[in-house]
PDB file of N, CA and C in Angstrom:
ATOM      1  N   UNK A   1     -12.452  61.336 -10.065  1.00  0.00           N
ATOM      2  CA  UNK A   1     -11.106  61.358 -11.173  1.00  0.00           C
ATOM      3  C   UNK A   1      -9.814  62.023 -10.137  1.00  0.00           C
ATOM      4  N   UNK A   2      -9.314  61.091  -9.888  1.00  0.00           N
ATOM      5  CA  UNK A   2      -7.706  61.697  -9.134  1.00  0.00           C
ATOM      6  C   UNK A   2      -7.339  62.389  -9.648  1.00  0.00           C
ATOM      7  N   UNK A   3      -6.721  63.517  -8.960  1.00  0.00           N
ATOM      8  CA  UNK A   3      -5.474  64.438 -10.096  1.00  0.00           C
ATOM      9  C   UNK A   3      -4.309  65.009  -8.919  1.00  0.00           C
ATOM     10  N   UNK A   4      -3.482  64.667  -9.154  1.00  0.00           N
ATOM     11  CA  UNK A   4      -1.882  64.662  -8.480  1.00  0.00           C
ATOM     12  C   UNK A   4      -1.180  65.885  -9.185  1.00  0.00           C
ATOM     13  N   UNK A   5      -0.085  66.605  -8.386  1.00  0.00           N
ATOM     14  CA  UNK A   5       1.056  67.279  -8.748  1.00  0.00           C
ATOM     15  C   UNK A   5       1.997  66.845  -8.752  1.00  0.00           C
ATOM     16  N   UNK A   6       2.595  66.626  -9.895  1.00  0.00           N
ATOM     17  CA  UNK A   6       4.196  66.157 -10.036  1.00  0.00           C
ATOM     18  C   UNK A   6       5.356  67.022 -10.608  1.00  0.00           C
ATOM     19  N   UNK A   7       5.999  66.750 -10.757  1.00  0.00           N
ATOM     20  CA  UNK A   7       7.289  68.032 -11.011  1.00  0.00           C
ATOM     21  C   UNK A   7       8.018  66.741 -11.538  1.00  0.00           C
ATOM     22  N   UNK A   8       8.221  67.170 -13.273  1.00  0.00           N
ATOM     23  CA  UNK A   8       8.772  65.700 -13.871  1.00  0.00           C
ATOM     24  C   UNK A   8      11.087  66.740 -14.583  1.00  0.00           C
ATOM     25  N   UNK A   9      11.280  65.915 -14.523  1.00  0.00           N
ATOM     26  CA  UNK A   9      12.773  66.421 -14.883  1.00  0.00           C
ATOM     27  C   UNK A   9      13.050  65.621 -16.102  1.00  0.00           C
ATOM     28  N   UNK A  10      13.563  66.345 -16.905  1.00  0.00           N
ATOM     29  CA  UNK A  10      13.946  65.397 -18.690  1.00  0.00           C
ATOM     30  C   UNK A  10      14.085  63.884 -18.246  1.00  0.00           C
ATOM     31  N   UNK A  11      15.123  63.763 -17.337  1.00  0.00           N
ATOM     32  CA  UNK A  11      15.574  62.025 -16.902  1.00  0.00           C
ATOM     33  C   UNK A  11      14.356  61.401 -16.601  1.00  0.00           C
ATOM     34  N   UNK A  12      13.528  61.562 -15.611  1.00  0.00           N
ATOM     35  CA  UNK A  12      12.223  61.009 -15.220  1.00  0.00           C
ATOM     36  C   UNK A  12      11.082  61.011 -16.329  1.00  0.00           C
ATOM     37  N   UNK A  13      11.566  61.531 -18.201  1.00  0.00           N
ATOM     38  CA  UNK A  13      10.116  61.739 -18.543  1.00  0.00           C
ATOM     39  C   UNK A  13      10.041  60.144 -19.744  1.00  0.00           C
ATOM     40  N   UNK A  14      10.958  59.251 -19.488  1.00  0.00           N
ATOM     41  CA  UNK A  14      10.640  57.820 -20.053  1.00  0.00           C
ATOM     42  C   UNK A  14      10.040  57.201 -19.015  1.00  0.00           C
ATOM     43  N   UNK A  15      10.228  57.005 -17.850  1.00  0.00           N
ATOM     44  CA  UNK A  15      10.718  56.005 -17.100  1.00  0.00           C
ATOM     45  C   UNK A  15       8.667  56.663 -16.864  1.00  0.00           C
ATOM     46  N   UNK A  16       8.401  57.424 -16.576  1.00  0.00           N
ATOM     47  CA  UNK A  16       7.457  57.955 -16.605  1.00  0.00           C
ATOM     48  C   UNK A  16       5.975  57.896 -17.904  1.00  0.00           C
ATOM     49  N   UNK A  17       6.298  58.331 -19.055  1.00  0.00           N
ATOM     50  CA  UNK A  17       5.860  57.172 -19.602  1.00  0.00           C
ATOM     51  C   UNK A  17       5.596  55.712 -19.938  1.00  0.00           C
ATOM     52  N   UNK A  18       6.539  55.336 -19.926  1.00  0.00           N
ATOM     53  CA  UNK A  18       6.527  53.786 -19.845  1.00  0.00           C
ATOM     54  C   UNK A  18       5.346  52.914 -18.426  1.00  0.00           C
ATOM     55  N   UNK A  19       5.858  53.831 -17.282  1.00  0.00           N
ATOM     56  CA  UNK A  19       4.541  53.263 -16.392  1.00  0.00           C
ATOM     57  C   UNK A  19       3.400  53.639 -16.748  1.00  0.00           C
ATOM     58  N   UNK A  20       2.837  54.488 -17.249  1.00  0.00           N
ATOM     59  CA  UNK A  20       1.598  54.951 -17.977  1.00  0.00           C
ATOM     60  C   UNK A  20       1.546  54.134 -18.832  1.00  0.00           C
ATOM     61  N   UNK A  21       2.071  53.931 -19.635  1.00  0.00           N
ATOM     62  CA  UNK A  21       1.837  52.704 -20.642  1.00  0.00           C
ATOM     63  C   UNK A  21       1.449  51.638 -20.204  1.00  0.00           C
ATOM     64  N   UNK A  22       1.809  51.524 -18.904  1.00  0.00           N
ATOM     65  CA  UNK A  22       1.137  49.819 -18.543  1.00  0.00           C
ATOM     66  C   UNK A  22      -0.025  49.557 -17.958  1.00  0.00           C
ATOM     67  N   UNK A  23      -0.886  50.653 -18.057  1.00  0.00           N
ATOM     68  CA  UNK A  23      -1.952  51.092 -16.934  1.00  0.00           C
ATOM     69  C   UNK A  23      -3.294  51.224 -17.774  1.00  0.00           C
ATOM     70  N   UNK A  24      -4.286  50.294 -17.561  1.00  0.00           N
ATOM     71  CA  UNK A  24      -5.173  50.418 -18.125  1.00  0.00           C
ATOM     72  C   UNK A  24      -6.429  51.094 -18.622  1.00  0.00           C
ATOM     73  N   UNK A  25      -6.439  52.590 -17.920  1.00  0.00           N
ATOM     74  CA  UNK A  25      -7.248  53.405 -18.038  1.00  0.00           C
ATOM     75  C   UNK A  25      -6.251  54.477 -18.399  1.00  0.00           C
ATOM     76  N   UNK A  26      -7.108  55.837 -18.364  1.00  0.00           N
ATOM     77  CA  UNK A  26      -6.648  57.202 -19.028  1.00  0.00           C
ATOM     78  C   UNK A  26      -5.710  57.687 -18.688  1.00  0.00           C
ATOM     79  N   UNK A  27      -4.721  58.666 -18.284  1.00  0.00           N
ATOM     80  CA  UNK A  27      -3.700  59.101 -18.243  1.00  0.00           C
ATOM     81  C   UNK A  27      -3.589  60.466 -18.581  1.00  0.00           C
ATOM     82  N   UNK A  28      -4.072  61.975 -18.364  1.00  0.00           N
ATOM     83  CA  UNK A  28      -3.504  62.745 -18.978  1.00  0.00           C
ATOM     84  C   UNK A  28      -2.998  63.640 -18.223  1.00  0.00           C
ATOM     85  N   UNK A  29      -1.609  64.604 -18.451  1.00  0.00           N
ATOM     86  CA  UNK A  29      -0.716  65.292 -18.040  1.00  0.00           C
ATOM     87  C   UNK A  29      -1.035  66.321 -18.461  1.00  0.00           C
ATOM     88  N   UNK A  30      -0.887  67.503 -17.262  1.00  0.00           N
ATOM     89  CA  UNK A  30      -1.286  69.106 -18.062  1.00  0.00           C
ATOM     90  C   UNK A  30      -0.839  70.359 -17.251  1.00  0.00           C
ATOM     91  N   UNK A  31      -1.002  71.232 -17.686  1.00  0.00           N
ATOM     92  CA  UNK A  31      -1.000  72.325 -16.809  1.00  0.00           C
ATOM     93  C   UNK A  31      -1.109  73.324 -18.011  1.00  0.00           C
ATOM     94  N   UNK A  32      -1.558  74.617 -16.992  1.00  0.00           N
ATOM     95  CA  UNK A  32      -2.902  75.703 -17.878  1.00  0.00           C
ATOM     96  C   UNK A  32      -3.940  75.181 -18.707  1.00  0.00           C
ATOM     97  N   UNK A  33      -3.790  75.218 -19.642  1.00  0.00           N
ATOM     98  CA  UNK A  33      -5.116  75.039 -20.512  1.00  0.00           C
ATOM     99  C   UNK A  33      -4.400  73.891 -21.655  1.00  0.00           C
ATOM    100  N   UNK A  34      -2.762  73.220 -21.309  1.00  0.00           N
ATOM    101  CA  UNK A  34      -2.246  72.077 -22.071  1.00  0.00           C
ATOM    102  C   UNK A  34      -2.488  70.991 -21.472  1.00  0.00           C
ATOM    103  N   UNK A  35      -2.892  70.148 -21.824  1.00  0.00           N
ATOM    104  CA  UNK A  35      -3.077  68.674 -21.977  1.00  0.00           C
ATOM    105  C   UNK A  35      -3.005  67.495 -22.858  1.00  0.00           C
ATOM    106  N   UNK A  36      -2.445  66.757 -22.086  1.00  0.00           N
ATOM    107  CA  UNK A  36      -1.414  65.822 -23.714  1.00  0.00           C
ATOM    108  C   UNK A  36      -1.795  64.180 -22.959  1.00  0.00           C
ATOM    109  N   UNK A  37      -1.819  63.448 -23.508  1.00  0.00           N
ATOM    110  CA  UNK A  37      -1.836  62.083 -22.904  1.00  0.00           C
ATOM    111  C   UNK A  37      -0.498  61.314 -22.453  1.00  0.00           C
ATOM    112  N   UNK A  38      -0.175  61.052 -21.384  1.00  0.00           N
ATOM    113  CA  UNK A  38       0.600  60.958 -20.322  1.00  0.00           C
ATOM    114  C   UNK A  38       0.790  59.652 -21.006  1.00  0.00           C
ATOM    115  N   UNK A  39       0.302  58.759 -21.928  1.00  0.00           N
ATOM    116  CA  UNK A  39       1.016  57.747 -22.227  1.00  0.00           C
ATOM    117  C   UNK A  39       2.167  57.886 -23.778  1.00  0.00           C
ATOM    118  N   UNK A  40       2.690  59.206 -24.434  1.00  0.00           N
ATOM    119  CA  UNK A  40       2.988  59.615 -25.512  1.00  0.00           C
ATOM    120  C   UNK A  40       4.059  60.520 -25.073  1.00  0.00           C
ATOM    121  N   UNK A  41       5.202  60.041 -25.435  1.00  0.00           N
ATOM    122  CA  UNK A  41       6.071  60.566 -24.867  1.00  0.00           C
ATOM    123  C   UNK A  41       5.969  61.816 -25.618  1.00  0.00           C
ATOM    124  N   UNK A  42       5.963  62.080 -27.109  1.00  0.00           N
ATOM    125  CA  UNK A  42       6.607  63.103 -27.511  1.00  0.00           C
ATOM    126  C   UNK A  42       5.264  64.217 -26.960  1.00  0.00           C
ATOM    127  N   UNK A  43       4.123  63.825 -26.295  1.00  0.00           N
ATOM    128  CA  UNK A  43       3.442  64.580 -25.966  1.00  0.00           C
ATOM    129  C   UNK A  43       3.503  65.194 -24.814  1.00  0.00           C
ATOM    130  N   UNK A  44       4.286  64.580 -23.713  1.00  0.00           N
ATOM    131  CA  UNK A  44       4.779  64.998 -22.579  1.00  0.00           C
ATOM    132  C   UNK A  44       6.140  65.850 -22.417  1.00  0.00           C
ATOM    133  N   UNK A  45       6.711  65.376 -23.837  1.00  0.00           N
ATOM    134  CA  UNK A  45       8.437  66.426 -23.613  1.00  0.00           C
ATOM    135  C   UNK A  45       7.821  67.331 -24.513  1.00  0.00           C
ATOM    136  N   UNK A  46       6.504  67.892 -24.902  1.00  0.00           N
ATOM    137  CA  UNK A  46       6.394  68.803 -25.320  1.00  0.00           C
ATOM    138  C   UNK A  46       5.563  69.772 -24.805  1.00  0.00           C
ATOM    139  N   UNK A  47       6.009  69.373 -23.225  1.00  0.00           N
ATOM    140  CA  UNK A  47       4.917  70.347 -22.104  1.00  0.00           C
ATOM    141  C   UNK A  47       5.876  71.311 -21.366  1.00  0.00           C
ATOM    142  N   UNK A  48       6.171  71.805 -21.085  1.00  0.00           N
ATOM    143  CA  UNK A  48       7.587  73.022 -20.257  1.00  0.00           C
ATOM    144  C   UNK A  48       7.606  72.145 -19.140  1.00  0.00           C
ATOM    145  N   UNK A  49       8.802  71.389 -18.611  1.00  0.00           N
ATOM    146  CA  UNK A  49       8.997  70.821 -17.957  1.00  0.00           C
ATOM    147  C   UNK A  49       9.477  71.123 -16.726  1.00  0.00           C
ATOM    148  N   UNK A  50       9.587  72.820 -16.653  1.00  0.00           N
ATOM    149  CA  UNK A  50      10.396  73.606 -15.517  1.00  0.00           C
ATOM    150  C   UNK A  50       8.663  73.812 -14.486  1.00  0.00           C
ATOM    151  N   UNK A  51       7.970  73.983 -15.217  1.00  0.00           N
ATOM    152  CA  UNK A  51       6.093  73.568 -14.089  1.00  0.00           C
ATOM    153  C   UNK A  51       5.627  72.891 -13.734  1.00  0.00           C
ATOM    154  N   UNK A  52       5.088  72.973 -12.590  1.00  0.00           N
ATOM    155  CA  UNK A  52       4.432  71.787 -11.429  1.00  0.00           C
ATOM    156  C   UNK A  52       3.708  71.198 -12.397  1.00  0.00           C
ATOM    157  N   UNK A  53       3.130  70.355 -13.107  1.00  0.00           N
ATOM    158  CA  UNK A  53       1.888  69.659 -13.998  1.00  0.00           C
ATOM    159  C   UNK A  53       1.037  68.947 -13.138  1.00  0.00           C
ATOM    160  N   UNK A  54      -0.258  68.849 -13.646  1.00  0.00           N
ATOM    161  CA  UNK A  54      -1.457  68.091 -12.764  1.00  0.00           C
ATOM    162  C   UNK A  54      -1.172  66.767 -13.518  1.00  0.00           C
ATOM    163  N   UNK A  55      -1.543  65.976 -13.339  1.00  0.00           N
ATOM    164  CA  UNK A  55      -1.907  64.454 -13.525  1.00  0.00           C
ATOM    165  C   UNK A  55      -2.921  63.867 -13.134  1.00  0.00           C
ATOM    166  N   UNK A  56      -4.168  63.863 -13.955  1.00  0.00           N
ATOM    167  CA  UNK A  56      -5.586  63.432 -13.808  1.00  0.00           C
ATOM    168  C   UNK A  56      -5.692  61.772 -14.697  1.00  0.00           C
ATOM    169  N   UNK A  57      -6.276  61.149 -13.532  1.00  0.00           N
ATOM    170  CA  UNK A  57      -6.696  59.877 -14.028  1.00  0.00           C
ATOM    171  C   UNK A  57      -7.561  59.045 -13.036  1.00  0.00           C
ATOM    172  N   UNK A  58      -8.543  57.679 -13.660  1.00  0.00           N
ATOM    173  CA  UNK A  58      -9.124  57.598 -13.237  1.00  0.00           C
ATOM    174  C   UNK A  58      -8.748  55.834 -13.189  1.00  0.00           C
ATOM    175  N   UNK A  59      -8.091  55.598 -12.012  1.00  0.00           N
ATOM    176  CA  UNK A  59      -8.129  53.922 -11.784  1.00  0.00           C
ATOM    177  C   UNK A  59      -7.006  54.049 -10.863  1.00  0.00           C
ATOM    178  N   UNK A  60      -6.361  52.269 -11.171  1.00  0.00           N
ATOM    179  CA  UNK A  60      -5.362  52.130  -9.778  1.00  0.00           C
ATOM    180  C   UNK A  60      -4.363  51.403 -10.442  1.00  0.00           C
ATOM    181  N   UNK A  61      -3.606  51.910  -9.880  1.00  0.00           N
ATOM    182  CA  UNK A  61      -2.205  50.953 -10.684  1.00  0.00           C
ATOM    183  C   UNK A  61      -1.101  51.215  -9.705  1.00  0.00           C
ATOM    184  N   UNK A  62      -0.428  50.066  -8.792  1.00  0.00           N
ATOM    185  CA  UNK A  62       0.140  50.133  -7.397  1.00  0.00           C
ATOM    186  C   UNK A  62       1.711  50.401  -8.100  1.00  0.00           C
ATOM    187  N   UNK A  63       1.984  50.510  -9.250  1.00  0.00           N
ATOM    188  CA  UNK A  63       2.913  50.766  -9.974  1.00  0.00           C
ATOM    189  C   UNK A  63       2.904  52.670 -10.635  1.00  0.00           C
ATOM    190  N   UNK A  64       2.383  52.887 -10.621  1.00  0.00           N
ATOM    191  CA  UNK A  64       2.398  54.289 -11.465  1.00  0.00           C
ATOM    192  C   UNK A  64       1.915  54.975 -10.076  1.00  0.00           C
ATOM    193  N   UNK A  65       1.245  54.863  -9.055  1.00  0.00           N
ATOM    194  CA  UNK A  65       1.159  55.242  -8.273  1.00  0.00           C
ATOM    195  C   UNK A  65       2.637  55.337  -7.168  1.00  0.00           C
ATOM    196  N   UNK A  66       3.402  54.585  -6.887  1.00  0.00           N
ATOM    197  CA  UNK A  66       4.530  54.805  -6.594  1.00  0.00           C
ATOM    198  C   UNK A  66       5.726  56.049  -7.435  1.00  0.00           C
ATOM    199  N   UNK A  67       5.242  55.851  -8.658  1.00  0.00           N
ATOM    200  CA  UNK A  67       5.740  56.810  -9.452  1.00  0.00           C
ATOM    201  C   UNK A  67       5.377  58.421  -9.406  1.00  0.00           C
ATOM    202  N   UNK A  68       4.326  58.286  -9.742  1.00  0.00           N
ATOM    203  CA  UNK A  68       3.813  59.405  -8.574  1.00  0.00           C
ATOM    204  C   UNK A  68       4.072  60.220  -7.716  1.00  0.00           C
ATOM    205  N   UNK A  69       3.977  59.669  -6.230  1.00  0.00           N
ATOM    206  CA  UNK A  69       4.495  59.708  -5.143  1.00  0.00           C
ATOM    207  C   UNK A  69       6.062  59.967  -5.243  1.00  0.00           C
ATOM    208  N   UNK A  70       6.953  59.584  -6.099  1.00  0.00           N
ATOM    209  CA  UNK A  70       8.283  60.139  -6.696  1.00  0.00           C
ATOM    210  C   UNK A  70       8.512  61.218  -6.547  1.00  0.00           C
ATOM    211  N   UNK A  71       7.939  61.700  -7.911  1.00  0.00           N
ATOM    212  CA  UNK A  71       7.520  62.615  -8.793  1.00  0.00           C
ATOM    213  C   UNK A  71       6.750  63.773  -7.544  1.00  0.00           C
ATOM    214  N   UNK A  72       6.083  63.338  -6.082  1.00  0.00           N
ATOM    215  CA  UNK A  72       5.299  64.321  -5.965  1.00  0.00           C
ATOM    216  C   UNK A  72       5.870  65.730  -5.696  1.00  0.00           C
ATOM    217  N   UNK A  73       6.244  67.130  -6.028  1.00  0.00           N
ATOM    218  CA  UNK A  73       7.040  68.021  -5.178  1.00  0.00           C
ATOM    219  C   UNK A  73       6.986  68.209  -3.359  1.00  0.00           C
ATOM    220  N   UNK A  74       8.216  68.418  -3.121  1.00  0.00           N
ATOM    221  CA  UNK A  74       7.745  68.248  -1.928  1.00  0.00           C
ATOM    222  C   UNK A  74       7.562  69.747  -1.042  1.00  0.00           C
ATOM    223  N   UNK A  75       6.655  69.712  -0.443  1.00  0.00           N
ATOM    224  CA  UNK A  75       5.851  71.825  -0.093  1.00  0.00           C
ATOM    225  C   UNK A  75       6.514  71.646   0.986  1.00  0.00           C
TER     226      UNK A  75
END
């Protein structure tokens, strides 16, 4: 299982969910004990977008990887 840290802004949510929905594998997005399906716009909007989120998935999609890389926080 691959896990990546991302930072989502309100403007990024729609593009993230659309890109995740094109993948044929499950994608979860979480922080602390809250986990939602990353393909659900309502679920993602229900998260605290001020936090760094963890994306967990088993699979590969080049478009999704580009999206995750773009949203990865700069440390």
